[in-house]
C-alpha atoms as a PDB file:
ATOM      1  CA  MET A   1     -75.672 -90.873 -61.137  1.00  0.00           C
ATOM      2  CA  GLU A   2     -73.173 -88.824 -63.159  1.00  0.00           C
ATOM      3  CA  SER A   3     -73.994 -88.630 -66.868  1.00  0.00           C
ATOM      4  CA  LYS A   4     -71.441 -89.558 -69.482  1.00  0.00           C
ATOM      5  CA  PRO A   5     -69.709 -86.545 -71.064  1.00  0.00           C
ATOM      6  CA  GLU A   6     -70.502 -85.725 -74.664  1.00  0.00           C
ATOM      7  CA  LEU A   7     -67.508 -86.348 -76.909  1.00  0.00           C
ATOM      8  CA  ASN A   8     -66.064 -83.524 -78.997  1.00  0.00           C
ATOM      9  CA  PRO A   9     -65.056 -84.042 -82.671  1.00  0.00           C
ATOM     10  CA  ALA A  10     -61.412 -84.710 -81.816  1.00  0.00           C
ATOM     11  CA  GLN A  11     -62.377 -87.419 -79.325  1.00  0.00           C
ATOM     12  CA  LEU A  12     -64.798 -88.992 -81.785  1.00  0.00           C
ATOM     13  CA  GLU A  13     -62.076 -89.075 -84.439  1.00  0.00           C
ATOM     14  CA  VAL A  14     -59.714 -90.902 -82.073  1.00  0.00           C
ATOM     15  CA  LEU A  15     -62.458 -93.344 -81.102  1.00  0.00           C
ATOM     16  CA  ASP A  16     -63.280 -94.071 -84.742  1.00  0.00           C
ATOM     17  CA  LEU A  17     -59.660 -94.499 -85.797  1.00  0.00           C
ATOM     18  CA  LEU A  18     -58.467 -96.687 -82.943  1.00  0.00           C
ATOM     19  CA  GLY A  19     -61.519 -98.923 -82.776  1.00  0.00           C
ATOM     20  CA  ALA A  20     -61.898-102.042 -84.894  1.00  0.00           C
ATOM     21  CA  GLY A  21     -64.342-104.928 -84.980  1.00  0.00           C
ATOM     22  CA  ARG A  22     -63.083-108.469 -84.622  1.00  0.00           C
ATOM     23  CA  ASP A  23     -63.478-109.089 -88.350  1.00  0.00           C
ATOM     24  CA  GLN A  24     -61.136-106.151 -89.078  1.00  0.00           C
ATOM     25  CA  ARG A  25     -58.262-107.398 -86.941  1.00  0.00           C
ATOM     26  CA  PRO A  26     -55.364-109.106 -88.737  1.00  0.00           C
ATOM     27  CA  HIS A  27     -54.149-112.609 -88.044  1.00  0.00           C
ATOM     28  CA  PHE A  28     -50.459-113.519 -87.867  1.00  0.00           C
ATOM     29  CA  ASP A  29     -48.771-116.880 -88.192  1.00  0.00           C
ATOM     30  CA  ALA A  30     -47.290-118.083 -84.893  1.00  0.00           C
ATOM     31  CA  VAL A  31     -43.986-118.760 -86.657  1.00  0.00           C
ATOM     32  CA  LEU A  32     -43.429-115.018 -87.219  1.00  0.00           C
ATOM     33  CA  ARG A  33     -42.075-114.528 -83.718  1.00  0.00           C
ATOM     34  CA  HIS A  34     -39.448-117.224 -84.291  1.00  0.00           C
ATOM     35  CA  GLU A  35     -38.468-115.797 -87.689  1.00  0.00           C
ATOM     36  CA  LEU A  36     -37.907-112.363 -86.180  1.00  0.00           C
ATOM     37  CA  ARG A  37     -35.878-113.827 -83.312  1.00  0.00           C
ATOM     38  CA  ARG A  38     -33.733-115.821 -85.727  1.00  0.00           C
ATOM     39  CA  ASP A  39     -33.036-112.721 -87.826  1.00  0.00           C
ATOM     40  CA  LEU A  40     -32.085-110.757 -84.709  1.00  0.00           C
ATOM     41  CA  ASP A  41     -29.848-113.540 -83.432  1.00  0.00           C
ATOM     42  CA  ASP A  42     -28.121-113.919 -86.798  1.00  0.00           C
ATOM     43  CA  GLY A  43     -27.794-110.179 -87.398  1.00  0.00           C
ATOM     44  CA  LEU A  44     -26.246-109.499 -83.996  1.00  0.00           C
ATOM     45  CA  ALA A  45     -24.106-112.641 -83.688  1.00  0.00           C
ATOM     46  CA  GLU A  46     -21.023-111.027 -85.226  1.00  0.00           C
ATOM     47  CA  GLN A  47     -21.348-107.993 -82.957  1.00  0.00           C
ATOM     48  CA  VAL A  48     -21.181-109.871 -79.637  1.00  0.00           C
ATOM     49  CA  GLU A  49     -17.394-110.050 -79.390  1.00  0.00           C
ATOM     50  CA  HIS A  50     -17.064-106.335 -80.171  1.00  0.00           C
ATOM     51  CA  VAL A  51     -19.207-105.140 -77.232  1.00  0.00           C
ATOM     52  CA  SER A  52     -16.776-103.473 -74.835  1.00  0.00           C
ATOM     53  CA  ASP A  53     -19.139-103.599 -71.841  1.00  0.00           C
ATOM     54  CA  ASP A  54     -20.832-106.586 -70.239  1.00  0.00           C
ATOM     55  CA  GLU A  55     -24.172-105.385 -71.633  1.00  0.00           C
ATOM     56  CA  LEU A  56     -25.285-102.938 -74.294  1.00  0.00           C
ATOM     57  CA  TRP A  57     -28.597-101.230 -73.482  1.00  0.00           C
ATOM     58  CA  VAL A  58     -30.453 -99.924 -76.527  1.00  0.00           C
ATOM     59  CA  SER A  59     -33.543 -97.692 -76.418  1.00  0.00           C
ATOM     60  CA  LYS A  60     -35.597 -96.041 -79.145  1.00  0.00           C
ATOM     61  CA  HIS A  61     -33.850 -92.763 -78.293  1.00  0.00           C
ATOM     62  CA  LEU A  62     -30.381 -94.258 -78.699  1.00  0.00           C
ATOM     63  CA  LEU A  63     -31.323 -95.841 -82.033  1.00  0.00           C
ATOM     64  CA  GLY A  64     -32.808 -92.583 -83.279  1.00  0.00           C
ATOM     65  CA  GLN A  65     -29.657 -90.695 -82.344  1.00  0.00           C
ATOM     66  CA  VAL A  66     -27.129 -93.019 -83.925  1.00  0.00           C
ATOM     67  CA  LEU A  67     -29.188 -93.500 -87.098  1.00  0.00           C
ATOM     68  CA  GLY A  68     -29.527 -89.735 -87.445  1.00  0.00           C
ATOM     69  CA  CYS A  69     -26.451 -87.528 -87.187  1.00  0.00           C
ATOM     70  CA  GLU A  70     -23.616 -89.636 -85.822  1.00  0.00           C
ATOM     71  CA  ARG A  71     -21.540 -86.590 -84.943  1.00  0.00           C
ATOM     72  CA  LYS A  72     -24.346 -85.241 -82.757  1.00  0.00           C
ATOM     73  CA  TYR A  73     -24.776 -88.686 -81.197  1.00  0.00           C
ATOM     74  CA  VAL A  74     -21.076 -88.913 -80.269  1.00  0.00           C
ATOM     75  CA  ALA A  75     -21.103 -85.397 -78.802  1.00  0.00           C
ATOM     76  CA  GLU A  76     -24.171 -86.063 -76.666  1.00  0.00           C
ATOM     77  CA  GLU A  77     -22.848 -89.450 -75.525  1.00  0.00           C
ATOM     78  CA  SER A  78     -19.915 -87.679 -73.893  1.00  0.00           C
ATOM     79  CA  GLU A  79     -22.131 -85.319 -71.894  1.00  0.00           C
ATOM     80  CA  PRO A  80     -23.538 -86.413 -68.497  1.00  0.00           C
ATOM     81  CA  PHE A  81     -27.315 -86.686 -68.258  1.00  0.00           C
ATOM     82  CA  VAL A  82     -28.927 -83.796 -66.386  1.00  0.00           C
ATOM     83  CA  TRP A  83     -32.606 -83.489 -65.482  1.00  0.00           C
ATOM     84  CA  THR A  84     -34.251 -80.320 -66.789  1.00  0.00           C
ATOM     85  CA  VAL A  85     -37.813 -78.994 -66.953  1.00  0.00           C
ATOM     86  CA  PRO A  86     -38.283 -80.034 -70.640  1.00  0.00           C
ATOM     87  CA  ILE A  87     -37.083 -83.569 -69.843  1.00  0.00           C
ATOM     88  CA  ALA A  88     -39.053 -83.928 -66.608  1.00  0.00           C
ATOM     89  CA  ARG A  89     -42.347 -82.657 -68.031  1.00  0.00           C
ATOM     90  CA  GLY A  90     -42.867 -85.822 -70.061  1.00  0.00           C
ATOM     91  CA  SER A  91     -42.473 -88.067 -67.012  1.00  0.00           C
ATOM     92  CA  VAL A  92     -44.795 -85.889 -64.938  1.00  0.00           C
ATOM     93  CA  ALA A  93     -47.417 -85.673 -67.682  1.00  0.00           C
ATOM     94  CA  HIS A  94     -47.382 -89.427 -68.294  1.00  0.00           C
ATOM     95  CA  LYS A  95     -47.763 -90.109 -64.567  1.00  0.00           C
ATOM     96  CA  ALA A  96     -50.694 -87.682 -64.421  1.00  0.00           C
ATOM     97  CA  ILE A  97     -52.329 -89.377 -67.422  1.00  0.00           C
ATOM     98  CA  GLU A  98     -51.890 -92.726 -65.683  1.00  0.00           C
ATOM     99  CA  LEU A  99     -53.661 -91.338 -62.614  1.00  0.00           C
ATOM    100  CA  SER A 100     -56.463 -89.943 -64.796  1.00  0.00           C
ATOM    101  CA  ILE A 101     -57.193 -93.444 -66.087  1.00  0.00           C
ATOM    102  CA  HIS A 102     -57.204 -95.231 -62.767  1.00  0.00           C
ATOM    103  CA  ARG A 103     -58.709 -92.673 -60.393  1.00  0.00           C
ATOM    104  CA  GLU A 104     -62.440 -92.474 -59.858  1.00  0.00           C
ATOM    105  CA  GLY A 105     -64.255 -89.330 -60.904  1.00  0.00           C
ATOM    106  CA  ARG A 106     -62.849 -86.695 -63.232  1.00  0.00           C
ATOM    107  CA  PRO A 107     -60.077 -84.791 -61.469  1.00  0.00           C
ATOM    108  CA  ALA A 108     -58.927 -81.570 -63.142  1.00  0.00           C
ATOM    109  CA  PRO A 109     -55.669 -81.840 -65.111  1.00  0.00           C
ATOM    110  CA  LEU A 110     -53.761 -79.587 -62.725  1.00  0.00           C
ATOM    111  CA  GLU A 111     -54.872 -81.672 -59.753  1.00  0.00           C
ATOM    112  CA  LEU A 112     -53.560 -84.774 -61.513  1.00  0.00           C
ATOM    113  CA  VAL A 113     -50.266 -83.010 -62.248  1.00  0.00           C
ATOM    114  CA  ASP A 114     -49.832 -82.017 -58.613  1.00  0.00           C
ATOM    115  CA  ASP A 115     -50.552 -85.564 -57.466  1.00  0.00           C
ATOM    116  CA  ALA A 116     -48.112 -86.938 -60.070  1.00  0.00           C
ATOM    117  CA  MET A 117     -45.335 -84.584 -58.966  1.00  0.00           C
ATOM    118  CA  ALA A 118     -45.930 -85.486 -55.328  1.00  0.00           C
ATOM    119  CA  ARG A 119     -45.690 -89.207 -56.072  1.00  0.00           C
ATOM    120  CA  LEU A 120     -42.602 -88.887 -58.278  1.00  0.00           C
ATOM    121  CA  SER A 121     -40.805 -86.745 -55.706  1.00  0.00           C
ATOM    122  CA  GLU A 122     -41.104 -89.611 -53.205  1.00  0.00           C
ATOM    123  CA  GLY A 123     -38.803 -91.822 -55.255  1.00  0.00           C
ATOM    124  CA  ILE A 124     -35.072 -92.442 -54.884  1.00  0.00           C
ATOM    125  CA  ASP A 125     -34.032 -91.749 -58.487  1.00  0.00           C
ATOM    126  CA  GLY A 126     -32.680 -88.724 -60.319  1.00  0.00           C
ATOM    127  CA  LEU A 127     -36.115 -87.334 -61.106  1.00  0.00           C
ATOM    128  CA  ALA A 128     -37.049 -87.377 -57.419  1.00  0.00           C
ATOM    129  CA  ASP A 129     -33.843 -85.507 -56.594  1.00  0.00           C
ATOM    130  CA  PHE A 130     -34.631 -82.925 -59.274  1.00  0.00           C
ATOM    131  CA  LEU A 131     -38.171 -82.374 -57.999  1.00  0.00           C
ATOM    132  CA  GLN A 132     -36.958 -82.031 -54.426  1.00  0.00           C
ATOM    133  CA  THR A 133     -34.130 -79.575 -55.100  1.00  0.00           C
ATOM    134  CA  CYS A 134     -34.801 -77.557 -58.265  1.00  0.00           C
ATOM    135  CA  GLY A 135     -36.502 -74.576 -56.584  1.00  0.00           C
ATOM    136  CA  PRO A 136     -39.896 -72.856 -56.877  1.00  0.00           C
ATOM    137  CA  VAL A 137     -39.483 -71.269 -60.322  1.00  0.00           C
ATOM    138  CA  PRO A 138     -38.553 -74.498 -62.205  1.00  0.00           C
ATOM    139  CA  ILE A 139     -41.289 -76.308 -60.281  1.00  0.00           C
ATOM    140  CA  ALA A 140     -43.827 -73.720 -61.432  1.00  0.00           C
ATOM    141  CA  GLU A 141     -42.621 -74.022 -65.029  1.00  0.00           C
ATOM    142  CA  LEU A 142     -42.771 -77.811 -64.850  1.00  0.00           C
ATOM    143  CA  ARG A 143     -46.255 -77.707 -63.352  1.00  0.00           C
ATOM    144  CA  ALA A 144     -47.495 -75.397 -66.115  1.00  0.00           C
ATOM    145  CA  GLU A 145     -45.948 -77.353 -68.983  1.00  0.00           C
ATOM    146  CA  ALA A 146     -47.124 -80.736 -67.680  1.00  0.00           C
ATOM    147  CA  ASN A 147     -50.594 -79.311 -67.126  1.00  0.00           C
ATOM    148  CA  ASP A 148     -50.671 -78.188 -70.764  1.00  0.00           C
ATOM    149  CA  ARG A 149     -49.900 -81.735 -71.942  1.00  0.00           C
ATOM    150  CA  VAL A 150     -52.394 -83.412 -69.658  1.00  0.00           C
ATOM    151  CA  THR A 151     -55.145 -80.926 -70.528  1.00  0.00           C
ATOM    152  CA  LYS A 152     -54.617 -81.495 -74.244  1.00  0.00           C
ATOM    153  CA  PHE A 153     -54.686 -85.253 -73.752  1.00  0.00           C
ATOM    154  CA  MET A 154     -57.948 -85.144 -71.812  1.00  0.00           C
ATOM    155  CA  GLU A 155     -59.478 -82.785 -74.385  1.00  0.00           C
ATOM    156  CA  SER A 156     -58.392 -84.965 -77.313  1.00  0.00           C
ATOM    157  CA  PHE A 157     -58.909 -88.532 -76.098  1.00  0.00           C
ATOM    158  CA  PRO A 158     -62.240 -90.050 -75.121  1.00  0.00           C
ATOM    159  CA  PRO A 159     -62.449 -91.308 -71.528  1.00  0.00           C
ATOM    160  CA  LEU A 160     -60.658 -94.658 -71.530  1.00  0.00           C
ATOM    161  CA  ASN A 161     -63.000 -97.523 -70.750  1.00  0.00           C
ATOM    162  CA  PRO A 162     -61.443-100.211 -68.486  1.00  0.00           C
ATOM    163  CA  ARG A 163     -62.688-102.817 -70.976  1.00  0.00           C
ATOM    164  CA  TRP A 164     -60.225-101.399 -73.502  1.00  0.00           C
ATOM    165  CA  TRP A 165     -57.323-102.635 -71.335  1.00  0.00           C
ATOM    166  CA  PRO A 166     -55.656 -99.203 -71.112  1.00  0.00           C
ATOM    167  CA  VAL A 167     -52.052 -99.274 -69.880  1.00  0.00           C
ATOM    168  CA  THR A 168     -49.693 -96.317 -69.513  1.00  0.00           C
ATOM    169  CA  GLU A 169     -45.893 -96.340 -69.372  1.00  0.00           C
ATOM    170  CA  SER A 170     -45.809-100.076 -70.075  1.00  0.00           C
ATOM    171  CA  ARG A 171     -42.240-101.389 -69.921  1.00  0.00           C
ATOM    172  CA  ILE A 172     -41.092-103.862 -72.564  1.00  0.00           C
ATOM    173  CA  ARG A 173     -37.726-105.586 -72.832  1.00  0.00           C
ATOM    174  CA  LEU A 174     -35.868-108.012 -75.057  1.00  0.00           C
ATOM    175  CA  GLU A 175     -32.489-109.682 -74.451  1.00  0.00           C
ATOM    176  CA  VAL A 176     -30.398-111.138 -77.282  1.00  0.00           C
ATOM    177  CA  HIS A 177     -27.201-113.179 -76.846  1.00  0.00           C
ATOM    178  CA  ASP A 178     -27.181-112.213 -73.143  1.00  0.00           C
ATOM    179  CA  ARG A 179     -25.373-109.018 -74.146  1.00  0.00           C
ATOM    180  CA  PHE A 180     -27.873-106.829 -75.968  1.00  0.00           C
ATOM    181  CA  ILE A 181     -30.795-105.442 -73.984  1.00  0.00           C
ATOM    182  CA  PHE A 182     -33.519-103.609 -75.887  1.00  0.00           C
ATOM    183  CA  SER A 183     -36.019-101.772 -73.732  1.00  0.00           C
ATOM    184  CA  GLY A 184     -38.600 -99.030 -73.689  1.00  0.00           C
ATOM    185  CA  LYS A 185     -41.838 -97.690 -72.242  1.00  0.00           C
ATOM    186  CA  VAL A 186     -44.975 -97.332 -74.344  1.00  0.00           C
ATOM    187  CA  ASP A 187     -46.860 -94.119 -73.551  1.00  0.00           C
ATOM    188  CA  LEU A 188     -50.278 -95.758 -73.910  1.00  0.00           C
ATOM    189  CA  SER A 189     -51.556 -99.122 -75.101  1.00  0.00           C
ATOM    190  CA  LEU A 190     -55.143-100.176 -75.700  1.00  0.00           C
ATOM    191  CA  GLY A 191     -56.597-103.615 -76.357  1.00  0.00           C
ATOM    192  CA  ARG A 192     -54.958-107.030 -76.407  1.00  0.00           C
ATOM    193  CA  ALA A 193     -54.198-109.940 -78.676  1.00  0.00           C
ATOM    194  CA  GLU A 194     -56.535-112.918 -78.770  1.00  0.00           C
ATOM    195  CA  GLY A 195     -54.556-115.940 -79.852  1.00  0.00           C
ATOM    196  CA  ASN A 196     -52.956-115.087 -83.196  1.00  0.00           C
ATOM    197  CA  THR A 197     -55.416-112.247 -83.813  1.00  0.00           C
ATOM    198  CA  ALA A 198     -53.905-108.818 -83.256  1.00  0.00           C
ATOM    199  CA  GLY A 199     -55.857-106.405 -81.088  1.00  0.00           C
ATOM    200  CA  LYS A 200     -53.442-104.089 -79.301  1.00  0.00           C
ATOM    201  CA  VAL A 201     -52.808-100.464 -80.293  1.00  0.00           C
ATOM    202  CA  LEU A 202     -49.542 -98.788 -79.279  1.00  0.00           C
ATOM    203  CA  ILE A 203     -49.735 -95.009 -78.922  1.00  0.00           C
ATOM    204  CA  ASP A 204     -46.973 -92.424 -78.547  1.00  0.00           C
ATOM    205  CA  LEU A 205     -47.916 -88.945 -77.336  1.00  0.00           C
ATOM    206  CA  LYS A 206     -45.887 -86.117 -78.853  1.00  0.00           C
ATOM    207  CA  THR A 207     -45.736 -82.345 -78.800  1.00  0.00           C
ATOM    208  CA  GLY A 208     -44.456 -80.361 -81.757  1.00  0.00           C
ATOM    209  CA  GLY A 209     -44.647 -81.523 -85.345  1.00  0.00           C
ATOM    210  CA  PHE A 210     -44.435 -84.733 -87.358  1.00  0.00           C
ATOM    211  CA  SER A 211     -41.130 -86.541 -87.775  1.00  0.00           C
ATOM    212  CA  PRO A 212     -40.480 -89.832 -89.602  1.00  0.00           C
ATOM    213  CA  LEU A 213     -38.446 -90.852 -86.551  1.00  0.00           C
ATOM    214  CA  HIS A 214     -41.637 -91.038 -84.478  1.00  0.00           C
ATOM    215  CA  ARG A 215     -42.927 -93.812 -86.718  1.00  0.00           C
ATOM    216  CA  GLU A 216     -39.656 -95.700 -86.374  1.00  0.00           C
ATOM    217  CA  ASP A 217     -39.900 -95.410 -82.582  1.00  0.00           C
ATOM    218  CA  LEU A 218     -43.246 -97.196 -82.610  1.00  0.00           C
ATOM    219  CA  ARG A 219     -41.991 -99.863 -85.011  1.00  0.00           C
ATOM    220  CA  PHE A 220     -39.237-100.603 -82.508  1.00  0.00           C
ATOM    221  CA  TYR A 221     -41.852-100.985 -79.769  1.00  0.00           C
ATOM    222  CA  ALA A 222     -43.960-103.186 -82.039  1.00  0.00           C
ATOM    223  CA  LEU A 223     -40.988-105.500 -82.503  1.00  0.00           C
ATOM    224  CA  LEU A 224     -40.395-105.787 -78.755  1.00  0.00           C
ATOM    225  CA  GLU A 225     -44.104-106.374 -78.138  1.00  0.00           C
ATOM    226  CA  THR A 226     -44.204-109.106 -80.785  1.00  0.00           C
ATOM    227  CA  MET A 227     -41.232-110.854 -79.228  1.00  0.00           C
ATOM    228  CA  ARG A 228     -42.903-110.620 -75.806  1.00  0.00           C
ATOM    229  CA  VAL A 229     -46.336-112.098 -76.563  1.00  0.00           C
ATOM    230  CA  GLY A 230     -45.880-113.666 -80.003  1.00  0.00           C
ATOM    231  CA  THR A 231     -48.713-111.747 -81.675  1.00  0.00           C
ATOM    232  CA  PRO A 232     -47.919-108.275 -83.058  1.00  0.00           C
ATOM    233  CA  PRO A 233     -49.955-105.166 -82.244  1.00  0.00           C
ATOM    234  CA  ARG A 234     -52.530-104.388 -84.906  1.00  0.00           C
ATOM    235  CA  LEU A 235     -51.919-100.626 -85.065  1.00  0.00           C
ATOM    236  CA  LEU A 236     -49.317 -97.995 -84.230  1.00  0.00           C
ATOM    237  CA  ALA A 237     -50.391 -94.403 -83.672  1.00  0.00           C
ATOM    238  CA  THR A 238     -48.493 -91.191 -82.957  1.00  0.00           C
ATOM    239  CA  TYR A 239     -50.750 -88.540 -81.455  1.00  0.00           C
ATOM    240  CA  TYR A 240     -49.623 -84.917 -81.710  1.00  0.00           C
ATOM    241  CA  LEU A 241     -51.130 -83.110 -78.744  1.00  0.00           C
ATOM    242  CA  ASP A 242     -50.407 -79.581 -79.993  1.00  0.00           C
ATOM    243  CA  GLN A 243     -52.209 -80.232 -83.274  1.00  0.00           C
ATOM    244  CA  GLY A 244     -54.883 -82.698 -82.218  1.00  0.00           C
ATOM    245  CA  THR A 245     -53.880 -85.018 -85.071  1.00  0.00           C
ATOM    246  CA  ILE A 246     -53.102 -88.724 -85.138  1.00  0.00           C
ATOM    247  CA  HIS A 247     -50.801 -90.589 -87.532  1.00  0.00           C
ATOM    248  CA  PRO A 248     -51.631 -94.316 -87.641  1.00  0.00           C
ATOM    249  CA  GLU A 249     -49.792 -97.225 -89.252  1.00  0.00           C
ATOM    250  CA  ASP A 250     -50.968-100.807 -89.634  1.00  0.00           C
ATOM    251  CA  VAL A 251     -48.543-103.433 -88.371  1.00  0.00           C
ATOM    252  CA  THR A 252     -47.464-105.903 -91.040  1.00  0.00           C
ATOM    253  CA  GLU A 253     -44.785-108.546 -91.305  1.00  0.00           C
ATOM    254  CA  GLY A 254     -42.842-106.139 -93.526  1.00  0.00           C
ATOM    255  CA  VAL A 255     -42.920-103.448 -90.837  1.00  0.00           C
ATOM    256  CA  LEU A 256     -41.513-105.876 -88.268  1.00  0.00           C
ATOM    257  CA  HIS A 257     -38.767-107.240 -90.528  1.00  0.00           C
ATOM    258  CA  ALA A 258     -37.758-103.659 -91.349  1.00  0.00           C
ATOM    259  CA  ALA A 259     -37.560-102.948 -87.609  1.00  0.00           C
ATOM    260  CA  VAL A 260     -35.180-105.898 -87.193  1.00  0.00           C
ATOM    261  CA  ARG A 261     -32.887-104.593 -89.946  1.00  0.00           C
ATOM    262  CA  ARG A 262     -32.897-101.119 -88.365  1.00  0.00           C
ATOM    263  CA  VAL A 263     -31.998-102.523 -84.947  1.00  0.00           C
ATOM    264  CA  VAL A 264     -29.097-104.540 -86.369  1.00  0.00           C
ATOM    265  CA  ASP A 265     -27.831-101.515 -88.314  1.00  0.00           C
ATOM    266  CA  GLY A 266     -28.124 -99.236 -85.293  1.00  0.00           C
ATOM    267  CA  VAL A 267     -26.319-101.631 -82.945  1.00  0.00           C
ATOM    268  CA  GLY A 268     -23.495-101.991 -85.447  1.00  0.00           C
ATOM    269  CA  ARG A 269     -23.056 -98.222 -85.620  1.00  0.00           C
ATOM    270  CA  ILE A 270     -23.167 -97.821 -81.840  1.00  0.00           C
ATOM    271  CA  ILE A 271     -20.412-100.396 -81.368  1.00  0.00           C
ATOM    272  CA  GLU A 272     -18.200 -98.995 -84.132  1.00  0.00           C
ATOM    273  CA  LEU A 273     -18.483 -95.435 -82.855  1.00  0.00           C
ATOM    274  CA  ARG A 274     -17.951 -96.360 -79.208  1.00  0.00           C
ATOM    275  CA  ASN A 275     -14.898 -98.429 -80.139  1.00  0.00           C
ATOM    276  CA  GLY A 276     -13.499 -95.610 -82.282  1.00  0.00           C
ATOM    277  CA  GLU A 277     -13.434 -97.800 -85.376  1.00  0.00           C
ATOM    278  CA  ARG A 278     -14.486 -94.993 -87.731  1.00  0.00           C
ATOM    279  CA  GLU A 279     -15.205 -91.277 -87.863  1.00  0.00           C
ATOM    280  CA  PRO A 280     -18.832 -90.270 -87.261  1.00  0.00           C
ATOM    281  CA  SER A 281     -20.782 -89.035 -90.261  1.00  0.00           C
ATOM    282  CA  THR A 282     -22.759 -85.779 -90.315  1.00  0.00           C
ATOM    283  CA  ALA A 283     -26.445 -85.648 -91.281  1.00  0.00           C
ATOM    284  CA  PRO A 284     -27.855 -82.106 -91.050  1.00  0.00           C
ATOM    285  CA  GLY A 285     -31.488 -81.523 -90.155  1.00  0.00           C
ATOM    286  CA  PRO A 286     -33.814 -79.552 -87.863  1.00  0.00           C
ATOM    287  CA  LEU A 287     -32.107 -80.999 -84.769  1.00  0.00           C
ATOM    288  CA  CYS A 288     -28.945 -79.093 -85.676  1.00  0.00           C
ATOM    289  CA  ARG A 289     -30.437 -76.198 -83.722  1.00  0.00           C
ATOM    290  CA  TRP A 290     -29.855 -78.092 -80.465  1.00  0.00           C
ATOM    291  CA  CYS A 291     -26.578 -79.796 -81.321  1.00  0.00           C
ATOM    292  CA  PRO A 292     -23.806 -79.267 -78.736  1.00  0.00           C
ATOM    293  CA  VAL A 293     -21.157 -79.027 -81.475  1.00  0.00           C
ATOM    294  CA  LEU A 294     -23.056 -76.683 -83.803  1.00  0.00           C
ATOM    295  CA  ASP A 295     -20.463 -73.921 -83.421  1.00  0.00           C
ATOM    296  CA  GLU A 296     -17.808 -76.290 -84.769  1.00  0.00           C
ATOM    297  CA  CYS A 297     -19.946 -77.849 -87.525  1.00  0.00           C
ATOM    298  CA  ASP A 298     -19.883 -76.019 -90.868  1.00  0.00           C
ATOM    299  CA  VAL A 299     -22.359 -78.487 -92.382  1.00  0.00           C
ATOM    300  CA  GLY A 300     -24.923 -77.888 -89.651  1.00  0.00           C
ATOM    301  CA  ARG A 301     -24.565 -74.101 -89.688  1.00  0.00           C
ATOM    302  CA  HIS A 302     -24.873 -73.939 -93.465  1.00  0.00           C
ATOM    303  CA  HIS A 303     -27.973 -76.134 -93.320  1.00  0.00           C
ATOM    304  CA  LEU A 304     -29.657 -73.849 -90.818  1.00  0.00           C
ATOM    305  CA  ASP A 305     -28.679 -70.754 -92.803  1.00  0.00           C
ATOM    306  CA  ASP A 306     -29.966 -72.216 -96.087  1.00  0.00           C
ATOM    307  CA  ASP A 307     -33.268 -73.367 -94.574  1.00  0.00           C
ATOM    308  CA  ASP A 308     -33.691 -70.178 -92.535  1.00  0.00           C
ATOM    309  CA  TYR A 309     -34.321 -72.032 -89.262  1.00  0.00           C
END
């Protein structure tokens, strides 16, 4: 019989932070779900007639873009989506992590990556086309970068016990007024609600450094999860793989009501900008380095020069 692996300090820290006894889990009133739905319905009611398409799909990425630099958002909206190695590596890594949870034994990270790429290339979507046609050099780069992510995850997280209800790439969706569709995929969730007692933890896996936007992403997911099951998650956590650090946030009614206000604000901006009802504003920041209109943006260039990016 194979012995259980000894946990390293990083894994023990994750285990300690994400775990909670039943007496530590918050309770929420069942009416909260209805209050949040009412606020969403009321906040978006005036926007329905201004939606130019039959449906408006809104993701955490779209909200983050439009509530950041609107000029960058408008520029990127006009560009067609193209699969690249940096974009594909997240999908491959998440698929490999999913396989690591559900396969018996302890496959090596690179073996999981290879299996994930093989499975994803069998699809009929854009990612499958990219994997089938991008050539040996991009495939090698993708394999290496995904392997780095998966290795760091397996080094940092304790082995996930099936009793923790681990789920990867869990899709969540909310429709409002039959016109607005809010959707996303949670990188990893653990636990479950029991009645009105919160028990689920939503986890986003990130490379790079901390950004306040990452916390807002998880609040958006917490709102969708609350609308789905009626009981909010108990904890949100962004895990930074490159640093081996975790940033947690307790879910409260205030967090969820703030998420509603942010969604309503973001949808309003998306509609106004798509309809050409106002000029986009400029909000300089670190993302200016990757902005497609940087050469034409004095504000962005001056920001990068001043901050020596």
